[in-house]
N, C-alpha and C. Protein backbone atom coordinates (compact mmCIF):
# COMPACT_ATOMS: atom_id res chain seq x y z
N UNK A 1 20.24 -24.83 7.73
CA UNK A 1 18.82 -25.10 7.92
C UNK A 1 18.01 -23.86 7.62
N UNK A 2 16.78 -24.08 7.19
CA UNK A 2 15.87 -23.00 6.93
C UNK A 2 14.45 -23.51 7.02
N UNK A 3 13.48 -22.63 6.71
CA UNK A 3 12.08 -23.05 6.71
C UNK A 3 11.27 -22.09 5.86
N UNK A 4 10.12 -22.59 5.42
CA UNK A 4 9.13 -21.76 4.76
C UNK A 4 7.78 -22.10 5.36
N UNK A 5 7.10 -21.07 5.87
CA UNK A 5 5.82 -21.26 6.58
C UNK A 5 5.98 -22.33 7.66
N UNK A 6 7.10 -22.28 8.37
CA UNK A 6 7.43 -23.19 9.48
C UNK A 6 7.64 -24.64 9.05
N UNK A 7 7.80 -24.92 7.76
CA UNK A 7 8.15 -26.26 7.29
C UNK A 7 9.66 -26.27 7.10
N UNK A 8 10.39 -27.09 7.87
CA UNK A 8 11.86 -27.05 7.81
C UNK A 8 12.43 -27.72 6.56
N UNK A 9 13.62 -27.25 6.17
CA UNK A 9 14.37 -27.85 5.07
C UNK A 9 15.85 -27.61 5.31
N UNK A 10 16.68 -28.28 4.52
CA UNK A 10 18.12 -28.08 4.54
C UNK A 10 18.52 -27.38 3.25
N UNK A 11 19.31 -26.31 3.38
CA UNK A 11 19.80 -25.61 2.20
C UNK A 11 20.85 -26.49 1.53
N UNK A 12 20.77 -26.60 0.20
CA UNK A 12 21.57 -27.58 -0.52
C UNK A 12 22.05 -26.98 -1.84
N UNK A 13 23.19 -27.36 -2.31
CA UNK A 13 23.76 -26.98 -3.60
C UNK A 13 23.85 -25.48 -3.79
N UNK A 14 23.03 -24.91 -4.68
CA UNK A 14 23.26 -23.53 -5.08
C UNK A 14 22.18 -22.58 -4.57
N UNK A 15 22.63 -21.34 -4.36
CA UNK A 15 21.75 -20.25 -3.97
C UNK A 15 22.04 -19.11 -4.95
N UNK A 16 21.00 -18.55 -5.56
CA UNK A 16 21.19 -17.46 -6.52
C UNK A 16 20.29 -16.30 -6.16
N UNK A 17 20.81 -15.10 -6.36
CA UNK A 17 20.03 -13.88 -6.14
C UNK A 17 20.13 -13.04 -7.41
N UNK A 18 18.98 -12.53 -7.87
CA UNK A 18 18.96 -11.66 -9.04
C UNK A 18 18.50 -10.27 -8.61
N UNK A 19 19.08 -9.28 -9.23
CA UNK A 19 18.73 -7.90 -8.93
C UNK A 19 19.23 -7.01 -10.05
N UNK A 20 19.40 -5.76 -9.77
CA UNK A 20 19.90 -4.82 -10.76
C UNK A 20 19.07 -3.56 -10.77
N UNK A 21 19.13 -2.86 -11.87
CA UNK A 21 18.42 -1.60 -12.03
C UNK A 21 17.51 -1.70 -13.25
N UNK A 22 16.39 -0.99 -13.21
CA UNK A 22 15.50 -0.88 -14.37
C UNK A 22 16.04 0.24 -15.26
N UNK A 23 16.63 -0.14 -16.36
CA UNK A 23 17.25 0.82 -17.28
C UNK A 23 16.42 0.88 -18.56
N UNK A 24 16.07 2.10 -18.96
CA UNK A 24 15.37 2.31 -20.22
C UNK A 24 16.38 2.91 -21.19
N UNK A 25 16.58 2.23 -22.31
CA UNK A 25 17.54 2.70 -23.32
C UNK A 25 16.80 3.50 -24.38
N UNK A 26 17.43 4.60 -24.79
CA UNK A 26 16.89 5.42 -25.87
C UNK A 26 17.84 5.31 -27.06
N UNK A 27 17.38 4.63 -28.10
CA UNK A 27 18.16 4.47 -29.32
C UNK A 27 17.30 4.94 -30.49
N UNK A 28 17.95 5.61 -31.44
CA UNK A 28 17.21 6.19 -32.55
C UNK A 28 17.79 5.72 -33.87
N UNK A 29 16.95 5.52 -34.88
CA UNK A 29 17.47 5.12 -36.19
C UNK A 29 18.35 6.21 -36.80
N UNK A 30 19.38 5.79 -37.49
CA UNK A 30 20.28 6.69 -38.21
C UNK A 30 21.02 7.67 -37.30
N UNK A 31 21.18 7.32 -36.03
CA UNK A 31 21.94 8.16 -35.10
C UNK A 31 22.99 7.30 -34.42
N UNK A 32 24.13 7.90 -34.18
CA UNK A 32 25.23 7.19 -33.52
C UNK A 32 25.15 7.32 -32.00
N UNK A 33 24.28 8.16 -31.51
CA UNK A 33 24.19 8.39 -30.07
C UNK A 33 22.83 7.96 -29.56
N UNK A 34 22.74 7.87 -28.29
CA UNK A 34 21.50 7.51 -27.60
C UNK A 34 21.70 7.80 -26.13
N UNK A 35 21.01 7.11 -25.31
CA UNK A 35 21.16 7.32 -23.88
C UNK A 35 20.39 6.27 -23.11
N UNK A 36 20.45 6.41 -21.82
CA UNK A 36 19.73 5.48 -20.95
C UNK A 36 19.29 6.23 -19.70
N UNK A 37 18.18 5.82 -19.15
CA UNK A 37 17.65 6.40 -17.92
C UNK A 37 17.49 5.31 -16.88
N UNK A 38 17.84 5.64 -15.65
CA UNK A 38 17.72 4.72 -14.52
C UNK A 38 16.37 4.95 -13.86
N UNK A 39 15.50 3.94 -13.88
CA UNK A 39 14.17 4.06 -13.30
C UNK A 39 14.06 3.40 -11.94
N UNK A 40 15.20 3.13 -11.31
CA UNK A 40 15.17 2.57 -9.96
C UNK A 40 15.51 1.09 -9.95
N UNK A 41 15.51 0.52 -8.76
CA UNK A 41 15.94 -0.88 -8.63
C UNK A 41 14.91 -1.87 -9.13
N UNK A 42 15.41 -3.00 -9.64
CA UNK A 42 14.53 -4.12 -9.97
C UNK A 42 14.15 -4.82 -8.68
N UNK A 43 13.06 -5.55 -8.72
CA UNK A 43 12.70 -6.37 -7.57
C UNK A 43 13.72 -7.49 -7.42
N UNK A 44 14.20 -7.71 -6.21
CA UNK A 44 15.12 -8.84 -6.03
C UNK A 44 14.38 -10.15 -6.21
N UNK A 45 15.10 -11.16 -6.64
CA UNK A 45 14.53 -12.50 -6.80
C UNK A 45 15.56 -13.51 -6.33
N UNK A 46 15.09 -14.54 -5.68
CA UNK A 46 15.98 -15.56 -5.12
C UNK A 46 15.63 -16.92 -5.70
N UNK A 47 16.65 -17.67 -6.06
CA UNK A 47 16.50 -19.07 -6.47
C UNK A 47 17.42 -19.88 -5.59
N UNK A 48 16.88 -20.89 -4.95
CA UNK A 48 17.71 -21.69 -4.06
C UNK A 48 17.24 -23.14 -4.07
N UNK A 49 18.18 -24.02 -3.76
CA UNK A 49 17.91 -25.45 -3.75
C UNK A 49 17.91 -25.93 -2.31
N UNK A 50 16.89 -26.70 -1.95
CA UNK A 50 16.78 -27.24 -0.59
C UNK A 50 16.44 -28.72 -0.69
N UNK A 51 16.64 -29.42 0.41
CA UNK A 51 16.24 -30.83 0.47
C UNK A 51 15.48 -31.08 1.76
N UNK A 52 14.63 -32.07 1.70
CA UNK A 52 14.04 -32.68 2.90
C UNK A 52 14.50 -34.13 2.85
N UNK A 53 14.84 -34.67 4.00
CA UNK A 53 15.38 -36.04 4.01
C UNK A 53 14.96 -36.77 5.26
N UNK A 54 15.04 -38.07 5.19
CA UNK A 54 14.71 -38.93 6.31
C UNK A 54 13.74 -40.01 5.89
N UNK A 55 13.39 -40.86 6.86
CA UNK A 55 12.45 -41.94 6.57
C UNK A 55 11.07 -41.40 6.18
N UNK A 56 10.76 -40.19 6.66
CA UNK A 56 9.47 -39.57 6.33
C UNK A 56 9.62 -38.50 5.25
N UNK A 57 10.57 -38.68 4.34
CA UNK A 57 10.85 -37.67 3.31
C UNK A 57 9.62 -37.35 2.47
N UNK A 58 8.79 -38.34 2.17
CA UNK A 58 7.60 -38.08 1.35
C UNK A 58 6.57 -37.25 2.11
N UNK A 59 6.45 -37.46 3.41
CA UNK A 59 5.54 -36.63 4.22
C UNK A 59 6.08 -35.20 4.30
N UNK A 60 7.41 -35.06 4.46
CA UNK A 60 8.02 -33.73 4.47
C UNK A 60 7.85 -33.04 3.11
N UNK A 61 7.99 -33.82 2.04
CA UNK A 61 7.80 -33.28 0.69
C UNK A 61 6.40 -32.72 0.53
N UNK A 62 5.41 -33.47 1.00
CA UNK A 62 4.02 -33.01 0.90
C UNK A 62 3.81 -31.74 1.72
N UNK A 63 4.37 -31.69 2.92
CA UNK A 63 4.21 -30.51 3.78
C UNK A 63 4.85 -29.28 3.12
N UNK A 64 6.06 -29.42 2.59
CA UNK A 64 6.72 -28.29 1.95
C UNK A 64 5.99 -27.91 0.66
N UNK A 65 5.56 -28.89 -0.10
CA UNK A 65 4.81 -28.63 -1.32
C UNK A 65 3.52 -27.85 -1.02
N UNK A 66 2.79 -28.27 0.02
CA UNK A 66 1.56 -27.56 0.40
C UNK A 66 1.87 -26.13 0.82
N UNK A 67 2.97 -25.93 1.56
CA UNK A 67 3.36 -24.58 1.98
C UNK A 67 3.71 -23.72 0.77
N UNK A 68 4.37 -24.29 -0.21
CA UNK A 68 4.75 -23.54 -1.41
C UNK A 68 3.55 -23.21 -2.28
N UNK A 69 2.54 -24.07 -2.29
CA UNK A 69 1.32 -23.84 -3.07
C UNK A 69 0.36 -22.86 -2.39
N UNK A 70 0.49 -22.65 -1.10
CA UNK A 70 -0.46 -21.80 -0.37
C UNK A 70 -0.44 -20.38 -0.94
N UNK A 71 -1.62 -19.74 -1.04
CA UNK A 71 -1.67 -18.39 -1.61
C UNK A 71 -1.08 -17.35 -0.67
N UNK A 72 -0.67 -16.25 -1.26
CA UNK A 72 -0.16 -15.12 -0.48
C UNK A 72 1.28 -15.30 -0.05
N UNK A 73 1.75 -14.32 0.69
CA UNK A 73 3.14 -14.32 1.15
C UNK A 73 3.30 -15.25 2.34
N UNK A 74 4.50 -15.77 2.48
CA UNK A 74 4.83 -16.63 3.61
C UNK A 74 6.20 -16.25 4.14
N UNK A 75 6.48 -16.66 5.37
CA UNK A 75 7.76 -16.32 5.99
C UNK A 75 8.82 -17.34 5.58
N UNK A 76 9.88 -16.83 4.96
CA UNK A 76 11.04 -17.63 4.59
C UNK A 76 12.15 -17.34 5.58
N UNK A 77 12.69 -18.38 6.18
CA UNK A 77 13.87 -18.25 7.03
C UNK A 77 14.99 -18.96 6.27
N UNK A 78 15.99 -18.18 5.86
CA UNK A 78 17.08 -18.72 5.04
C UNK A 78 18.41 -18.27 5.64
N UNK A 79 19.40 -19.16 5.70
CA UNK A 79 20.67 -18.79 6.33
C UNK A 79 21.41 -17.65 5.62
N UNK A 80 21.24 -17.49 4.32
CA UNK A 80 21.91 -16.41 3.59
C UNK A 80 21.05 -15.15 3.48
N UNK A 81 19.75 -15.30 3.27
CA UNK A 81 18.86 -14.17 3.00
C UNK A 81 18.19 -13.63 4.26
N UNK A 82 18.26 -14.35 5.36
CA UNK A 82 17.61 -13.93 6.59
C UNK A 82 16.13 -14.31 6.59
N UNK A 83 15.36 -13.59 7.38
CA UNK A 83 13.92 -13.82 7.48
C UNK A 83 13.21 -12.81 6.59
N UNK A 84 12.47 -13.31 5.62
CA UNK A 84 11.78 -12.46 4.65
C UNK A 84 10.35 -12.92 4.46
N UNK A 85 9.47 -11.98 4.15
CA UNK A 85 8.13 -12.32 3.70
C UNK A 85 8.20 -12.39 2.18
N UNK A 86 7.96 -13.58 1.62
CA UNK A 86 8.15 -13.78 0.18
C UNK A 86 6.90 -14.36 -0.48
N UNK A 87 6.83 -14.15 -1.78
CA UNK A 87 5.85 -14.79 -2.64
C UNK A 87 6.60 -15.82 -3.47
N UNK A 88 6.01 -16.99 -3.64
CA UNK A 88 6.66 -18.06 -4.39
C UNK A 88 6.27 -17.92 -5.86
N UNK A 89 7.25 -17.66 -6.69
CA UNK A 89 7.02 -17.54 -8.13
C UNK A 89 6.79 -18.93 -8.72
N UNK A 90 7.70 -19.85 -8.44
CA UNK A 90 7.53 -21.23 -8.87
C UNK A 90 8.51 -22.12 -8.12
N UNK A 91 8.29 -23.41 -8.21
CA UNK A 91 9.20 -24.36 -7.58
C UNK A 91 9.18 -25.66 -8.37
N UNK A 92 10.18 -26.48 -8.12
CA UNK A 92 10.27 -27.79 -8.76
C UNK A 92 10.78 -28.76 -7.71
N UNK A 93 10.16 -29.93 -7.61
CA UNK A 93 10.66 -30.95 -6.68
C UNK A 93 11.10 -32.17 -7.47
N UNK A 94 12.16 -32.84 -6.95
CA UNK A 94 12.72 -34.00 -7.63
C UNK A 94 13.11 -35.05 -6.61
N UNK A 95 12.85 -36.28 -6.95
CA UNK A 95 13.38 -37.41 -6.18
C UNK A 95 13.45 -38.60 -7.11
N UNK A 96 14.27 -39.58 -6.75
CA UNK A 96 14.38 -40.76 -7.60
C UNK A 96 14.43 -42.01 -6.73
N UNK A 97 14.27 -43.14 -7.36
CA UNK A 97 14.16 -44.39 -6.61
C UNK A 97 15.46 -44.78 -5.92
N UNK A 98 16.59 -44.31 -6.41
CA UNK A 98 17.86 -44.67 -5.77
C UNK A 98 18.10 -43.88 -4.48
N UNK A 99 17.40 -42.76 -4.32
CA UNK A 99 17.53 -41.95 -3.10
C UNK A 99 16.14 -41.63 -2.58
N UNK A 100 15.43 -42.63 -2.12
CA UNK A 100 14.05 -42.45 -1.71
C UNK A 100 13.91 -41.65 -0.42
N UNK A 101 14.98 -41.48 0.32
CA UNK A 101 14.91 -40.74 1.58
C UNK A 101 15.26 -39.26 1.40
N UNK A 102 15.46 -38.82 0.16
CA UNK A 102 15.84 -37.43 -0.11
C UNK A 102 14.95 -36.87 -1.22
N UNK A 103 14.39 -35.67 -0.97
CA UNK A 103 13.62 -34.95 -1.99
C UNK A 103 14.25 -33.57 -2.13
N UNK A 104 14.56 -33.20 -3.36
CA UNK A 104 15.21 -31.93 -3.65
C UNK A 104 14.19 -30.96 -4.25
N UNK A 105 14.25 -29.69 -3.82
CA UNK A 105 13.38 -28.63 -4.34
C UNK A 105 14.25 -27.50 -4.86
N UNK A 106 13.88 -26.92 -5.98
CA UNK A 106 14.43 -25.64 -6.43
C UNK A 106 13.28 -24.64 -6.35
N UNK A 107 13.50 -23.57 -5.60
CA UNK A 107 12.44 -22.62 -5.29
C UNK A 107 12.83 -21.24 -5.81
N UNK A 108 11.89 -20.56 -6.47
CA UNK A 108 12.07 -19.18 -6.93
C UNK A 108 11.12 -18.30 -6.12
N UNK A 109 11.69 -17.33 -5.41
CA UNK A 109 10.89 -16.48 -4.53
C UNK A 109 11.22 -15.01 -4.76
N UNK A 110 10.23 -14.16 -4.52
CA UNK A 110 10.38 -12.71 -4.61
C UNK A 110 9.86 -12.09 -3.32
N UNK A 111 10.62 -11.18 -2.70
CA UNK A 111 10.11 -10.54 -1.48
C UNK A 111 8.81 -9.79 -1.74
N UNK A 112 7.93 -9.87 -0.76
CA UNK A 112 6.64 -9.17 -0.86
C UNK A 112 6.88 -7.67 -0.69
N UNK A 113 6.18 -6.87 -1.46
CA UNK A 113 6.28 -5.41 -1.35
C UNK A 113 5.48 -4.94 -0.15
N UNK A 114 6.02 -3.97 0.56
CA UNK A 114 5.29 -3.40 1.70
C UNK A 114 4.35 -2.29 1.25
N UNK A 115 4.70 -1.59 0.19
CA UNK A 115 3.83 -0.53 -0.31
C UNK A 115 3.02 -1.07 -1.48
N UNK A 116 1.80 -0.61 -1.61
CA UNK A 116 0.92 -1.15 -2.64
C UNK A 116 0.73 -0.20 -3.82
N UNK A 117 1.12 1.06 -3.66
CA UNK A 117 0.92 2.02 -4.73
C UNK A 117 1.87 3.19 -4.53
N UNK A 118 2.08 3.96 -5.57
CA UNK A 118 2.92 5.15 -5.41
C UNK A 118 2.28 6.13 -4.43
N UNK A 119 3.10 6.95 -3.80
CA UNK A 119 2.60 7.97 -2.88
C UNK A 119 1.88 9.06 -3.67
N UNK A 120 0.74 9.49 -3.15
CA UNK A 120 -0.01 10.57 -3.78
C UNK A 120 0.65 11.90 -3.44
N UNK A 121 0.80 12.74 -4.42
CA UNK A 121 1.37 14.07 -4.23
C UNK A 121 0.34 15.10 -4.68
N UNK A 122 0.43 16.31 -4.13
CA UNK A 122 -0.48 17.37 -4.52
C UNK A 122 -0.17 17.79 -5.95
N UNK A 123 -1.20 17.93 -6.76
CA UNK A 123 -1.04 18.35 -8.15
C UNK A 123 -0.94 19.87 -8.17
N UNK A 124 0.29 20.37 -8.15
CA UNK A 124 0.50 21.82 -8.06
C UNK A 124 0.04 22.54 -9.32
N UNK A 125 0.14 21.90 -10.47
CA UNK A 125 -0.30 22.55 -11.71
C UNK A 125 -1.81 22.82 -11.67
N UNK A 126 -2.58 21.84 -11.23
CA UNK A 126 -4.04 22.03 -11.14
C UNK A 126 -4.39 23.08 -10.09
N UNK A 127 -3.66 23.06 -8.98
CA UNK A 127 -3.92 24.05 -7.93
C UNK A 127 -3.65 25.46 -8.44
N UNK A 128 -2.59 25.64 -9.22
CA UNK A 128 -2.26 26.95 -9.78
C UNK A 128 -3.32 27.40 -10.77
N UNK A 129 -3.77 26.50 -11.63
CA UNK A 129 -4.81 26.83 -12.60
C UNK A 129 -6.10 27.21 -11.87
N UNK A 130 -6.44 26.45 -10.83
CA UNK A 130 -7.67 26.74 -10.08
C UNK A 130 -7.59 28.09 -9.40
N UNK A 131 -6.45 28.40 -8.79
CA UNK A 131 -6.34 29.69 -8.09
C UNK A 131 -6.28 30.84 -9.09
N UNK A 132 -5.63 30.63 -10.23
CA UNK A 132 -5.59 31.68 -11.25
C UNK A 132 -6.98 31.91 -11.82
N UNK A 133 -7.72 30.84 -12.04
CA UNK A 133 -9.08 30.96 -12.55
C UNK A 133 -9.96 31.72 -11.58
N UNK A 134 -9.78 31.51 -10.29
CA UNK A 134 -10.56 32.22 -9.28
C UNK A 134 -10.24 33.71 -9.30
N UNK A 135 -8.97 34.05 -9.49
CA UNK A 135 -8.56 35.46 -9.56
C UNK A 135 -9.13 36.15 -10.78
N UNK A 136 -9.09 35.47 -11.91
CA UNK A 136 -9.65 36.05 -13.14
C UNK A 136 -11.16 36.21 -13.02
N UNK A 137 -11.83 35.27 -12.43
CA UNK A 137 -13.28 35.40 -12.22
C UNK A 137 -13.59 36.62 -11.38
N UNK A 138 -12.78 36.86 -10.38
CA UNK A 138 -12.98 38.03 -9.52
C UNK A 138 -12.83 39.32 -10.33
N UNK A 139 -11.80 39.38 -11.19
CA UNK A 139 -11.59 40.56 -12.03
C UNK A 139 -12.78 40.75 -12.98
N UNK A 140 -13.20 39.66 -13.63
CA UNK A 140 -14.32 39.77 -14.56
C UNK A 140 -15.61 40.18 -13.85
N UNK A 141 -15.84 39.66 -12.66
CA UNK A 141 -17.04 40.05 -11.90
C UNK A 141 -16.99 41.53 -11.55
N UNK A 142 -15.82 42.03 -11.17
CA UNK A 142 -15.67 43.45 -10.84
C UNK A 142 -15.93 44.30 -12.07
N UNK A 143 -15.36 43.89 -13.21
CA UNK A 143 -15.60 44.64 -14.46
C UNK A 143 -17.07 44.61 -14.85
N UNK A 144 -17.72 43.47 -14.69
CA UNK A 144 -19.14 43.36 -15.04
C UNK A 144 -19.98 44.26 -14.15
N UNK A 145 -19.65 44.28 -12.85
CA UNK A 145 -20.40 45.16 -11.93
C UNK A 145 -20.18 46.63 -12.31
N UNK A 146 -18.92 46.97 -12.64
CA UNK A 146 -18.62 48.36 -13.04
C UNK A 146 -19.34 48.74 -14.32
N UNK A 147 -19.38 47.84 -15.28
CA UNK A 147 -20.07 48.11 -16.53
C UNK A 147 -21.57 48.27 -16.31
N UNK A 148 -22.13 47.51 -15.39
CA UNK A 148 -23.56 47.64 -15.09
C UNK A 148 -23.86 49.04 -14.55
N UNK A 149 -22.99 49.57 -13.69
CA UNK A 149 -23.19 50.92 -13.15
C UNK A 149 -23.09 51.95 -14.26
N UNK A 150 -22.05 51.81 -15.12
CA UNK A 150 -21.88 52.75 -16.23
C UNK A 150 -23.08 52.67 -17.17
N UNK A 151 -23.52 51.47 -17.47
CA UNK A 151 -24.64 51.27 -18.38
C UNK A 151 -25.91 51.89 -17.81
N UNK A 152 -26.17 51.70 -16.50
CA UNK A 152 -27.36 52.30 -15.88
C UNK A 152 -27.29 53.83 -15.95
N UNK A 153 -26.11 54.38 -15.68
CA UNK A 153 -25.96 55.84 -15.72
C UNK A 153 -26.16 56.38 -17.13
N UNK A 154 -25.68 55.65 -18.15
CA UNK A 154 -25.89 56.08 -19.53
C UNK A 154 -27.37 56.09 -19.88
N UNK A 155 -28.09 55.08 -19.41
CA UNK A 155 -29.54 55.03 -19.67
C UNK A 155 -30.24 56.21 -19.00
N UNK A 156 -29.81 56.56 -17.77
CA UNK A 156 -30.42 57.68 -17.07
C UNK A 156 -30.14 58.99 -17.80
N UNK A 157 -28.89 59.14 -18.30
CA UNK A 157 -28.52 60.37 -19.01
C UNK A 157 -29.32 60.47 -20.31
N UNK A 158 -29.46 59.35 -21.02
CA UNK A 158 -30.21 59.36 -22.27
C UNK A 158 -31.69 59.66 -22.02
N UNK A 159 -32.20 59.19 -20.89
CA UNK A 159 -33.60 59.43 -20.58
C UNK A 159 -33.84 60.91 -20.27
N UNK A 160 -32.87 61.60 -19.69
CA UNK A 160 -33.03 63.02 -19.35
C UNK A 160 -32.85 63.89 -20.58
N UNK A 161 -32.23 63.40 -21.57
CA UNK A 161 -31.97 64.23 -22.74
C UNK A 161 -33.14 64.35 -23.65
């Protein structure tokens, strides 16, 4: 048994989980070598089949369908995956006249991310440039002040001559 947004269902047939790593391959023309870089894990994705059944199967189908269509993340309780906050990528529902008391759903879900953006880090290169620029400005100001004194003294000496 499981549920999505508190709408119960029975887990049925197959359950699939996709994952892996984000790999970037480097291949070059006319070269026998290349390489690959690991950029971290892929987002996990789950595909699972569930059923709703009973004399009120069509009412249960509508309730689960409405829960799957609702915007934003919802709580999935699944016997294999546990309790997760997931976003529904897509789903498919099926029923036929020979089994009117059973509705089958195949659901594709992805766990919701808790972080919304990369962490901000201090830009050490800019900080170094800024502090170096401040030091150079100080040196140039000192030289300019010194030159002003020398220049004034030269004018005084020339005036006395």
